[in-house]
Amino acid sequence: MTDEDLVAKYAAEAQHSIDEEAKLRIAETSDPILDAKLRKKSLLNLAETDEMIPALLARLGSVRAALDGHGGGIQIESYEVLENNGNKMMDFVLDLTGACLSCGAAPGTLDGIKADLESDPEVNVIRYSSKLLDTFDELGREFILAHGKVEFV
């Protein structure tokens, strides 16, 4: 076994442990039956309803454990419904709420939210409000702009 194989093996084991722990934490703070119902509902039909944020949260993977566990959440700043080849999709501009605003792990949280939500067929793109950048100190702002895989508008 090469060093690269060993690193890949340990990385896969670590990711499995993280995913399992996240599932346990999410189960402690959410209603799995409600989440399943929300995942089945069309986001396009939930726009402007009280179910939109819970439906977005229900579509998150392990990053949801970080949001729930650290007292944070997401907020929709704006959205737009677009049509592409007869398919309607949504573009979102999101913001973080609660303790997530100034957390050092926010760049990873933003990446995780973006990746999870953009895997939904009704979501075209996730971007973040530029006012979120104002919640970070100068070093944090520079880091997220240089290394984050997200766009601010």
N, C-alpha and C. Protein backbone atom coordinates (compact mmCIF):
# COMPACT_ATOMS: atom_id res chain seq x y z
N MET A 1 0.86 -1.18 0.00
CA MET A 1 0.00 0.00 0.00
C MET A 1 0.90 1.24 0.00
N THR A 2 0.63 2.15 -0.94
CA THR A 2 1.43 3.37 -1.03
C THR A 2 0.97 4.39 0.02
N ASP A 3 1.79 5.41 0.22
CA ASP A 3 1.41 6.49 1.14
C ASP A 3 0.12 7.15 0.70
N GLU A 4 -0.05 7.33 -0.59
CA GLU A 4 -1.27 7.95 -1.11
C GLU A 4 -2.49 7.08 -0.84
N ASP A 5 -2.33 5.78 -0.98
CA ASP A 5 -3.44 4.85 -0.69
C ASP A 5 -3.81 4.93 0.79
N LEU A 6 -2.81 4.99 1.65
CA LEU A 6 -3.05 5.06 3.09
C LEU A 6 -3.76 6.36 3.47
N VAL A 7 -3.32 7.46 2.88
CA VAL A 7 -3.97 8.74 3.14
C VAL A 7 -5.42 8.71 2.67
N ALA A 8 -5.66 8.15 1.49
CA ALA A 8 -7.02 8.05 0.96
C ALA A 8 -7.89 7.17 1.85
N LYS A 9 -7.32 6.07 2.35
CA LYS A 9 -8.06 5.18 3.23
C LYS A 9 -8.46 5.89 4.51
N TYR A 10 -7.52 6.58 5.14
CA TYR A 10 -7.82 7.31 6.38
C TYR A 10 -8.80 8.45 6.13
N ALA A 11 -8.68 9.11 5.00
CA ALA A 11 -9.61 10.20 4.67
C ALA A 11 -11.03 9.66 4.51
N ALA A 12 -11.16 8.52 3.86
CA ALA A 12 -12.49 7.91 3.68
C ALA A 12 -13.07 7.48 5.02
N GLU A 13 -12.24 6.91 5.90
CA GLU A 13 -12.71 6.50 7.22
C GLU A 13 -13.14 7.72 8.04
N ALA A 14 -12.35 8.78 7.97
CA ALA A 14 -12.69 10.00 8.71
C ALA A 14 -13.99 10.60 8.19
N GLN A 15 -14.16 10.63 6.87
CA GLN A 15 -15.38 11.19 6.29
C GLN A 15 -16.59 10.36 6.69
N HIS A 16 -16.44 9.05 6.72
CA HIS A 16 -17.54 8.19 7.14
C HIS A 16 -17.93 8.49 8.59
N SER A 17 -16.94 8.64 9.46
CA SER A 17 -17.21 8.97 10.87
C SER A 17 -17.91 10.31 11.01
N ILE A 18 -17.45 11.29 10.25
CA ILE A 18 -18.06 12.62 10.28
C ILE A 18 -19.50 12.55 9.82
N ASP A 19 -19.75 11.84 8.74
CA ASP A 19 -21.11 11.72 8.21
C ASP A 19 -22.04 11.02 9.20
N GLU A 20 -21.55 9.97 9.85
CA GLU A 20 -22.37 9.25 10.82
C GLU A 20 -22.69 10.13 12.03
N GLU A 21 -21.70 10.86 12.53
CA GLU A 21 -21.92 11.76 13.66
C GLU A 21 -22.90 12.87 13.27
N ALA A 22 -22.76 13.39 12.06
CA ALA A 22 -23.67 14.44 11.60
C ALA A 22 -25.11 13.92 11.54
N LYS A 23 -25.29 12.70 11.05
CA LYS A 23 -26.64 12.12 10.99
C LYS A 23 -27.25 12.02 12.38
N LEU A 24 -26.45 11.61 13.36
CA LEU A 24 -26.95 11.50 14.73
C LEU A 24 -27.35 12.87 15.28
N ARG A 25 -26.51 13.86 15.03
CA ARG A 25 -26.80 15.21 15.54
C ARG A 25 -28.03 15.81 14.86
N ILE A 26 -28.16 15.60 13.58
CA ILE A 26 -29.33 16.11 12.86
C ILE A 26 -30.60 15.44 13.37
N ALA A 27 -30.53 14.14 13.64
CA ALA A 27 -31.69 13.40 14.14
C ALA A 27 -32.14 13.92 15.51
N GLU A 28 -31.20 14.45 16.29
CA GLU A 28 -31.53 14.99 17.61
C GLU A 28 -32.30 16.30 17.53
N THR A 29 -32.10 17.05 16.44
CA THR A 29 -32.67 18.40 16.37
C THR A 29 -33.74 18.56 15.30
N SER A 30 -34.01 17.52 14.54
CA SER A 30 -34.99 17.67 13.47
C SER A 30 -36.00 16.54 13.51
N ASP A 31 -37.04 16.72 12.74
CA ASP A 31 -38.09 15.71 12.60
C ASP A 31 -37.89 15.02 11.25
N PRO A 32 -37.39 13.78 11.24
CA PRO A 32 -37.08 13.12 9.97
C PRO A 32 -38.29 12.93 9.06
N ILE A 33 -39.47 12.76 9.64
CA ILE A 33 -40.68 12.59 8.82
C ILE A 33 -41.01 13.91 8.12
N LEU A 34 -40.96 15.00 8.87
CA LEU A 34 -41.20 16.31 8.27
C LEU A 34 -40.15 16.63 7.22
N ASP A 35 -38.89 16.35 7.52
CA ASP A 35 -37.82 16.61 6.55
C ASP A 35 -38.05 15.83 5.25
N ALA A 36 -38.46 14.57 5.37
CA ALA A 36 -38.73 13.77 4.17
C ALA A 36 -39.86 14.37 3.35
N LYS A 37 -40.91 14.83 4.02
CA LYS A 37 -42.03 15.47 3.31
C LYS A 37 -41.57 16.75 2.62
N LEU A 38 -40.74 17.54 3.31
CA LEU A 38 -40.26 18.79 2.72
C LEU A 38 -39.34 18.55 1.53
N ARG A 39 -38.54 17.50 1.59
CA ARG A 39 -37.64 17.18 0.46
C ARG A 39 -38.43 16.79 -0.78
N LYS A 40 -39.63 16.24 -0.59
CA LYS A 40 -40.47 15.84 -1.72
C LYS A 40 -41.19 17.01 -2.36
N LYS A 41 -41.35 18.10 -1.61
CA LYS A 41 -42.08 19.25 -2.13
C LYS A 41 -41.20 20.07 -3.06
N SER A 42 -41.82 20.64 -4.06
CA SER A 42 -41.12 21.49 -5.01
C SER A 42 -40.77 22.83 -4.35
N LEU A 43 -39.51 23.21 -4.47
CA LEU A 43 -39.10 24.52 -3.94
C LEU A 43 -39.83 25.63 -4.68
N LEU A 44 -40.11 25.41 -5.95
CA LEU A 44 -40.81 26.42 -6.74
C LEU A 44 -42.19 26.71 -6.16
N ASN A 45 -42.82 25.70 -5.60
CA ASN A 45 -44.14 25.87 -5.00
C ASN A 45 -44.09 26.42 -3.58
N LEU A 46 -42.90 26.41 -2.99
CA LEU A 46 -42.77 26.87 -1.60
C LEU A 46 -42.32 28.32 -1.48
N ALA A 47 -41.96 28.92 -2.62
CA ALA A 47 -41.53 30.32 -2.58
C ALA A 47 -42.58 31.17 -1.89
N GLU A 48 -42.13 32.06 -1.05
CA GLU A 48 -43.00 32.98 -0.31
C GLU A 48 -43.85 32.27 0.75
N THR A 49 -43.48 31.05 1.15
CA THR A 49 -44.20 30.38 2.22
C THR A 49 -43.27 30.19 3.41
N ASP A 50 -43.85 29.88 4.55
CA ASP A 50 -43.07 29.62 5.76
C ASP A 50 -42.31 28.31 5.69
N GLU A 51 -42.60 27.49 4.71
CA GLU A 51 -41.92 26.20 4.58
C GLU A 51 -40.62 26.28 3.79
N MET A 52 -40.32 27.42 3.16
CA MET A 52 -39.15 27.49 2.29
C MET A 52 -37.84 27.25 3.05
N ILE A 53 -37.60 27.94 4.14
CA ILE A 53 -36.35 27.74 4.88
C ILE A 53 -36.27 26.31 5.42
N PRO A 54 -37.32 25.78 6.07
CA PRO A 54 -37.23 24.38 6.50
C PRO A 54 -36.98 23.41 5.33
N ALA A 55 -37.55 23.70 4.16
CA ALA A 55 -37.33 22.84 2.99
C ALA A 55 -35.88 22.91 2.53
N LEU A 56 -35.29 24.09 2.57
CA LEU A 56 -33.87 24.21 2.22
C LEU A 56 -33.00 23.46 3.23
N LEU A 57 -33.31 23.65 4.51
CA LEU A 57 -32.54 22.95 5.56
C LEU A 57 -32.66 21.44 5.41
N ALA A 58 -33.84 20.96 5.04
CA ALA A 58 -34.05 19.52 4.87
C ALA A 58 -33.21 18.95 3.74
N ARG A 59 -32.78 19.80 2.82
CA ARG A 59 -31.97 19.36 1.68
C ARG A 59 -30.48 19.38 1.98
N LEU A 60 -30.11 19.84 3.17
CA LEU A 60 -28.69 19.91 3.53
C LEU A 60 -28.22 18.57 4.08
N GLY A 61 -26.97 18.28 3.84
CA GLY A 61 -26.35 17.06 4.37
C GLY A 61 -25.71 17.36 5.72
N SER A 62 -24.47 16.92 5.88
CA SER A 62 -23.80 17.02 7.17
C SER A 62 -23.56 18.46 7.62
N VAL A 63 -23.55 19.41 6.70
CA VAL A 63 -23.37 20.81 7.09
C VAL A 63 -24.53 21.27 7.98
N ARG A 64 -25.66 20.63 7.86
CA ARG A 64 -26.81 20.99 8.71
C ARG A 64 -26.49 20.76 10.18
N ALA A 65 -25.71 19.74 10.48
CA ALA A 65 -25.34 19.47 11.87
C ALA A 65 -24.57 20.65 12.45
N ALA A 66 -23.71 21.26 11.64
CA ALA A 66 -22.95 22.42 12.11
C ALA A 66 -23.89 23.61 12.34
N LEU A 67 -24.81 23.82 11.42
CA LEU A 67 -25.77 24.93 11.59
C LEU A 67 -26.60 24.72 12.85
N ASP A 68 -27.22 23.55 12.96
CA ASP A 68 -28.08 23.27 14.11
C ASP A 68 -27.30 23.28 15.41
N GLY A 69 -26.13 22.66 15.40
CA GLY A 69 -25.35 22.53 16.62
C GLY A 69 -24.74 23.82 17.12
N HIS A 70 -24.55 24.77 16.23
CA HIS A 70 -23.91 26.02 16.63
C HIS A 70 -24.88 27.20 16.67
N GLY A 71 -26.16 26.91 16.62
CA GLY A 71 -27.15 27.98 16.75
C GLY A 71 -27.22 28.90 15.55
N GLY A 72 -26.94 28.37 14.39
CA GLY A 72 -27.00 29.19 13.18
C GLY A 72 -28.12 28.75 12.27
N GLY A 73 -28.23 29.44 11.18
CA GLY A 73 -29.24 29.11 10.20
C GLY A 73 -28.99 29.85 8.90
N ILE A 74 -29.95 29.75 8.00
CA ILE A 74 -29.85 30.46 6.73
C ILE A 74 -31.07 31.36 6.57
N GLN A 75 -30.86 32.38 5.78
CA GLN A 75 -31.92 33.34 5.48
C GLN A 75 -31.85 33.63 3.99
N ILE A 76 -33.00 33.74 3.37
CA ILE A 76 -33.05 34.07 1.95
C ILE A 76 -33.08 35.58 1.81
N GLU A 77 -32.05 36.12 1.17
CA GLU A 77 -32.01 37.56 0.88
C GLU A 77 -32.85 37.86 -0.36
N SER A 78 -32.71 37.00 -1.37
CA SER A 78 -33.51 37.15 -2.58
C SER A 78 -33.45 35.84 -3.37
N TYR A 79 -34.36 35.72 -4.30
CA TYR A 79 -34.36 34.57 -5.20
C TYR A 79 -34.96 35.01 -6.52
N GLU A 80 -34.65 34.23 -7.53
CA GLU A 80 -35.18 34.48 -8.86
C GLU A 80 -35.50 33.13 -9.49
N VAL A 81 -36.64 33.07 -10.15
CA VAL A 81 -37.02 31.85 -10.88
C VAL A 81 -36.63 32.05 -12.34
N LEU A 82 -35.84 31.12 -12.84
CA LEU A 82 -35.37 31.18 -14.21
C LEU A 82 -35.91 29.98 -14.98
N GLU A 83 -35.99 30.13 -16.29
CA GLU A 83 -36.40 29.01 -17.12
C GLU A 83 -35.28 28.69 -18.09
N ASN A 84 -34.91 27.42 -18.16
CA ASN A 84 -33.84 26.97 -19.03
C ASN A 84 -34.32 25.70 -19.73
N ASN A 85 -34.48 25.77 -21.03
CA ASN A 85 -34.96 24.62 -21.82
C ASN A 85 -36.27 24.06 -21.27
N GLY A 86 -37.17 24.94 -20.87
CA GLY A 86 -38.46 24.52 -20.36
C GLY A 86 -38.47 24.11 -18.90
N ASN A 87 -37.31 24.08 -18.26
CA ASN A 87 -37.22 23.72 -16.85
C ASN A 87 -37.07 24.98 -16.00
N LYS A 88 -37.90 25.08 -14.98
CA LYS A 88 -37.78 26.21 -14.06
C LYS A 88 -36.80 25.84 -12.96
N MET A 89 -35.95 26.81 -12.64
CA MET A 89 -34.95 26.64 -11.58
C MET A 89 -34.86 27.94 -10.80
N MET A 90 -34.26 27.84 -9.62
CA MET A 90 -34.16 29.01 -8.76
C MET A 90 -32.70 29.39 -8.51
N ASP A 91 -32.46 30.69 -8.55
CA ASP A 91 -31.19 31.26 -8.10
C ASP A 91 -31.46 31.91 -6.75
N PHE A 92 -30.63 31.62 -5.77
CA PHE A 92 -30.80 32.17 -4.44
C PHE A 92 -29.61 33.03 -4.04
N VAL A 93 -29.89 34.08 -3.28
CA VAL A 93 -28.87 34.81 -2.54
C VAL A 93 -29.23 34.59 -1.08
N LEU A 94 -28.30 33.93 -0.37
CA LEU A 94 -28.54 33.57 1.02
C LEU A 94 -27.64 34.36 1.96
N ASP A 95 -28.01 34.32 3.22
CA ASP A 95 -27.21 34.90 4.30
C ASP A 95 -27.22 33.89 5.43
N LEU A 96 -26.22 33.94 6.28
CA LEU A 96 -26.21 33.12 7.49
C LEU A 96 -26.84 33.90 8.62
N THR A 97 -27.37 33.19 9.59
CA THR A 97 -27.95 33.84 10.76
C THR A 97 -27.35 33.22 12.02
N GLY A 98 -27.59 33.88 13.14
CA GLY A 98 -27.17 33.36 14.43
C GLY A 98 -25.67 33.30 14.59
N ALA A 99 -25.22 32.30 15.32
CA ALA A 99 -23.81 32.17 15.66
C ALA A 99 -22.92 31.93 14.45
N CYS A 100 -23.50 31.52 13.34
CA CYS A 100 -22.71 31.24 12.14
C CYS A 100 -22.10 32.50 11.52
N LEU A 101 -22.61 33.65 11.90
CA LEU A 101 -22.17 34.88 11.26
C LEU A 101 -20.67 35.13 11.38
N SER A 102 -20.10 34.87 12.52
CA SER A 102 -18.68 35.20 12.69
C SER A 102 -17.83 33.98 13.02
N CYS A 103 -18.33 32.82 12.74
CA CYS A 103 -17.62 31.57 13.05
C CYS A 103 -16.44 31.39 12.10
N GLY A 104 -15.34 30.91 12.64
CA GLY A 104 -14.17 30.64 11.81
C GLY A 104 -14.39 29.54 10.80
N ALA A 105 -15.40 28.71 11.02
CA ALA A 105 -15.70 27.62 10.09
C ALA A 105 -16.66 28.05 8.99
N ALA A 106 -17.07 29.31 8.99
CA ALA A 106 -18.06 29.78 8.02
C ALA A 106 -17.68 29.50 6.57
N PRO A 107 -16.41 29.64 6.16
CA PRO A 107 -16.11 29.32 4.76
C PRO A 107 -16.50 27.89 4.39
N GLY A 108 -16.23 26.93 5.26
CA GLY A 108 -16.62 25.55 4.99
C GLY A 108 -18.12 25.38 5.02
N THR A 109 -18.78 26.09 5.92
CA THR A 109 -20.24 26.04 6.01
C THR A 109 -20.85 26.57 4.72
N LEU A 110 -20.36 27.69 4.24
CA LEU A 110 -20.87 28.27 2.99
C LEU A 110 -20.68 27.31 1.82
N ASP A 111 -19.49 26.71 1.74
CA ASP A 111 -19.22 25.73 0.68
C ASP A 111 -20.18 24.55 0.77
N GLY A 112 -20.40 24.06 1.99
CA GLY A 112 -21.27 22.90 2.19
C GLY A 112 -22.71 23.18 1.82
N ILE A 113 -23.20 24.36 2.23
CA ILE A 113 -24.57 24.74 1.89
C ILE A 113 -24.73 24.84 0.38
N LYS A 114 -23.79 25.51 -0.25
CA LYS A 114 -23.83 25.68 -1.71
C LYS A 114 -23.85 24.32 -2.42
N ALA A 115 -22.93 23.45 -2.04
CA ALA A 115 -22.84 22.14 -2.70
C ALA A 115 -24.12 21.32 -2.49
N ASP A 116 -24.62 21.30 -1.26
CA ASP A 116 -25.82 20.51 -0.99
C ASP A 116 -27.04 21.04 -1.73
N LEU A 117 -27.24 22.35 -1.69
CA LEU A 117 -28.44 22.91 -2.33
C LEU A 117 -28.35 22.88 -3.85
N GLU A 118 -27.16 23.08 -4.39
CA GLU A 118 -27.04 23.04 -5.85
C GLU A 118 -27.17 21.62 -6.40
N SER A 119 -27.17 20.62 -5.53
CA SER A 119 -27.41 19.26 -6.01
C SER A 119 -28.90 19.00 -6.21
N ASP A 120 -29.75 19.91 -5.75
CA ASP A 120 -31.19 19.80 -5.97
C ASP A 120 -31.49 20.24 -7.40
N PRO A 121 -32.28 19.48 -8.15
CA PRO A 121 -32.53 19.83 -9.55
C PRO A 121 -33.27 21.15 -9.75
N GLU A 122 -33.92 21.67 -8.71
CA GLU A 122 -34.63 22.94 -8.86
C GLU A 122 -33.76 24.15 -8.49
N VAL A 123 -32.54 23.90 -8.05
CA VAL A 123 -31.65 24.99 -7.67
C VAL A 123 -30.58 25.14 -8.73
N ASN A 124 -30.50 26.33 -9.30
CA ASN A 124 -29.50 26.61 -10.31
C ASN A 124 -28.20 27.06 -9.66
N VAL A 125 -28.28 28.09 -8.83
CA VAL A 125 -27.06 28.62 -8.21
C VAL A 125 -27.37 29.18 -6.83
N ILE A 126 -26.39 29.01 -5.94
CA ILE A 126 -26.45 29.60 -4.61
C ILE A 126 -25.32 30.62 -4.53
N ARG A 127 -25.69 31.84 -4.19
CA ARG A 127 -24.71 32.89 -3.93
C ARG A 127 -25.03 33.46 -2.55
N TYR A 128 -24.14 34.28 -2.05
CA TYR A 128 -24.31 34.83 -0.71
C TYR A 128 -24.30 36.34 -0.73
N SER A 129 -25.02 36.90 0.21
CA SER A 129 -25.11 38.35 0.35
C SER A 129 -23.74 38.93 0.72
N SER A 130 -23.35 39.99 0.03
CA SER A 130 -22.06 40.62 0.33
C SER A 130 -22.03 41.21 1.73
N LYS A 131 -23.19 41.48 2.31
CA LYS A 131 -23.19 42.01 3.68
C LYS A 131 -22.67 40.97 4.67
N LEU A 132 -22.70 39.70 4.29
CA LEU A 132 -22.13 38.66 5.13
C LEU A 132 -20.63 38.87 5.33
N LEU A 133 -19.97 39.41 4.31
CA LEU A 133 -18.54 39.67 4.41
C LEU A 133 -18.22 40.67 5.51
N ASP A 134 -19.16 41.57 5.80
CA ASP A 134 -18.93 42.57 6.84
C ASP A 134 -18.89 41.98 8.24
N THR A 135 -19.35 40.75 8.40
CA THR A 135 -19.35 40.11 9.72
C THR A 135 -18.00 39.48 10.05
N PHE A 136 -17.13 39.36 9.07
CA PHE A 136 -15.80 38.78 9.28
C PHE A 136 -14.77 39.87 9.52
N ASP A 137 -13.74 39.54 10.30
CA ASP A 137 -12.64 40.48 10.44
C ASP A 137 -11.87 40.50 9.12
N GLU A 138 -10.88 41.37 9.02
CA GLU A 138 -10.17 41.54 7.74
C GLU A 138 -9.52 40.24 7.27
N LEU A 139 -8.89 39.53 8.18
CA LEU A 139 -8.23 38.28 7.82
C LEU A 139 -9.24 37.23 7.35
N GLY A 140 -10.36 37.12 8.06
CA GLY A 140 -11.41 36.17 7.67
C GLY A 140 -12.00 36.51 6.32
N ARG A 141 -12.21 37.80 6.08
CA ARG A 141 -12.76 38.25 4.80
C ARG A 141 -11.80 37.92 3.66
N GLU A 142 -10.50 38.20 3.87
CA GLU A 142 -9.50 37.90 2.84
C GLU A 142 -9.44 36.39 2.57
N PHE A 143 -9.52 35.60 3.64
CA PHE A 143 -9.45 34.15 3.50
C PHE A 143 -10.62 33.62 2.68
N ILE A 144 -11.80 34.05 3.03
CA ILE A 144 -12.99 33.51 2.33
C ILE A 144 -13.03 33.97 0.88
N LEU A 145 -12.56 35.17 0.61
CA LEU A 145 -12.55 35.64 -0.78
C LEU A 145 -11.49 34.90 -1.60
N ALA A 146 -10.37 34.57 -0.96
CA ALA A 146 -9.29 33.90 -1.67
C ALA A 146 -9.52 32.40 -1.81
N HIS A 147 -10.10 31.78 -0.77
CA HIS A 147 -10.15 30.32 -0.76
C HIS A 147 -11.57 29.75 -0.78
N GLY A 148 -12.56 30.58 -0.53
CA GLY A 148 -13.93 30.09 -0.57
C GLY A 148 -14.34 29.80 -2.01
N LYS A 149 -15.20 28.83 -2.16
CA LYS A 149 -15.67 28.45 -3.49
C LYS A 149 -17.07 29.00 -3.70
N VAL A 150 -17.29 30.19 -3.15
CA VAL A 150 -18.62 30.80 -3.20
C VAL A 150 -18.51 32.20 -3.78
N GLU A 151 -19.64 32.70 -4.21
CA GLU A 151 -19.72 34.04 -4.81
C GLU A 151 -20.59 34.93 -3.91
N PHE A 152 -20.14 36.17 -3.77
CA PHE A 152 -20.91 37.16 -3.00
C PHE A 152 -21.44 38.23 -3.94
N VAL A 153 -22.69 38.61 -3.71
CA VAL A 153 -23.32 39.66 -4.53
C VAL A 153 -23.96 40.70 -3.64
